[in-house]
């Protein structure tokens, strides 16, 4: 079992009240809610850092070469792009991102 430690946490009253409300809605103790929220935030930070490090070593020219390849086969069933997807908007964002570096 992991070692546990106590930590006096100073929260603004409004934040504590909101956390208590969410804990009650979720049917979980406040302490557990804070633990889960902190673990979730730390995981998000670690994930973002991981991808930042990976992106720093990315071969952007290789990605560009991959993205411009055109296949000759139609999409497999259930693998089509839904009609509601704005392909022009995606193309514009990709072009803008490419121009920015």
Protein backbone atom coordinates (compact mmCIF):
# COMPACT_ATOMS: atom_id res chain seq x y z
CA UNK A 1 0.00 0.00 0.00
CA UNK A 2 1.39 3.43 -0.90
CA UNK A 3 2.59 5.58 1.95
CA UNK A 4 0.18 8.41 2.74
CA UNK A 5 1.02 11.83 4.06
CA UNK A 6 -0.99 14.72 5.40
CA UNK A 7 -0.89 18.15 3.84
CA UNK A 8 -2.72 21.23 5.04
CA UNK A 9 -4.34 22.67 1.96
CA UNK A 10 -5.42 26.30 1.89
CA UNK A 11 -8.26 26.83 -0.56
CA UNK A 12 -10.36 29.90 -1.27
CA UNK A 13 -13.77 29.38 0.32
CA UNK A 14 -15.51 29.48 -3.06
CA UNK A 15 -13.26 26.75 -4.47
CA UNK A 16 -13.76 24.56 -1.41
CA UNK A 17 -17.54 25.01 -1.62
CA UNK A 18 -17.52 24.06 -5.31
CA UNK A 19 -15.34 21.02 -4.61
CA UNK A 20 -17.68 19.96 -1.80
CA UNK A 21 -20.66 20.32 -4.13
CA UNK A 22 -19.03 18.19 -6.83
CA UNK A 23 -17.95 15.59 -4.27
CA UNK A 24 -21.51 15.37 -2.97
CA UNK A 25 -22.91 15.08 -6.52
CA UNK A 26 -20.39 12.32 -7.28
CA UNK A 27 -21.03 10.56 -3.97
CA UNK A 28 -17.37 10.64 -3.00
CA UNK A 29 -15.52 12.11 -0.03
CA UNK A 30 -13.93 15.53 -0.59
CA UNK A 31 -10.47 14.13 0.11
CA UNK A 32 -10.91 11.48 -2.59
CA UNK A 33 -12.19 14.05 -5.08
CA UNK A 34 -9.14 16.25 -4.47
CA UNK A 35 -6.83 13.24 -4.86
CA UNK A 36 -8.49 12.24 -8.13
CA UNK A 37 -8.46 15.82 -9.46
CA UNK A 38 -4.79 16.27 -8.60
CA UNK A 39 -3.83 12.91 -10.12
CA UNK A 40 -5.76 13.78 -13.27
CA UNK A 41 -4.08 17.19 -13.60
CA UNK A 42 -0.62 15.73 -13.02
CA UNK A 43 -1.27 13.08 -15.67
CA UNK A 44 -2.36 15.79 -18.12
CA UNK A 45 0.81 17.79 -17.44
CA UNK A 46 3.00 14.72 -17.89
CA UNK A 47 1.20 13.82 -21.12
CA UNK A 48 1.60 17.33 -22.51
CA UNK A 49 5.31 17.29 -21.60
CA UNK A 50 5.74 13.89 -23.28
CA UNK A 51 4.21 15.14 -26.53
CA UNK A 52 6.19 18.39 -26.41
CA UNK A 53 9.39 16.35 -26.13
CA UNK A 54 8.31 14.06 -28.96
CA UNK A 55 7.36 17.02 -31.16
CA UNK A 56 10.77 18.61 -30.57
CA UNK A 57 12.36 15.59 -32.27
CA UNK A 58 9.80 15.26 -35.04
CA UNK A 59 10.88 15.13 -38.68
CA UNK A 60 8.41 17.67 -40.06
CA UNK A 61 9.49 17.05 -43.65
CA UNK A 62 8.69 13.35 -43.25
CA UNK A 63 5.27 14.21 -41.84
CA UNK A 64 4.61 16.54 -44.78
CA UNK A 65 5.62 13.81 -47.24
CA UNK A 66 3.27 11.39 -45.51
CA UNK A 67 0.34 13.81 -45.47
CA UNK A 68 0.53 14.67 -49.16
CA UNK A 69 0.48 11.05 -50.33
CA UNK A 70 -2.67 10.23 -52.21
CA UNK A 71 -4.02 6.72 -52.10
CA UNK A 72 -5.78 5.12 -55.02
CA UNK A 73 -8.18 3.01 -53.01
CA UNK A 74 -11.57 4.19 -51.80
CA UNK A 75 -12.13 4.23 -48.04
CA UNK A 76 -13.15 0.97 -46.45
CA UNK A 77 -16.80 0.73 -45.39
CA UNK A 78 -17.47 2.81 -42.26
CA UNK A 79 -14.15 4.65 -42.75
CA UNK A 80 -15.45 7.51 -44.85
CA UNK A 81 -15.18 11.10 -43.66
CA UNK A 82 -18.62 12.18 -42.39
CA UNK A 83 -20.33 14.80 -44.54
CA UNK A 84 -20.55 17.24 -41.63
CA UNK A 85 -16.74 17.45 -41.39
CA UNK A 86 -15.46 20.73 -42.81
CA UNK A 87 -12.61 19.50 -45.02
CA UNK A 88 -11.90 22.98 -46.37
CA UNK A 89 -11.52 24.31 -42.84
CA UNK A 90 -9.12 21.48 -42.01
CA UNK A 91 -7.10 22.15 -45.17
CA UNK A 92 -6.93 25.86 -44.32
CA UNK A 93 -5.72 25.15 -40.77
CA UNK A 94 -3.08 22.72 -42.08
CA UNK A 95 -1.87 25.27 -44.64
CA UNK A 96 -1.73 27.98 -41.97
CA UNK A 97 0.17 25.68 -39.58
CA UNK A 98 2.62 24.81 -42.35
CA UNK A 99 3.24 28.50 -43.05
CA UNK A 100 3.88 29.19 -39.36
CA UNK A 101 6.59 26.63 -39.17
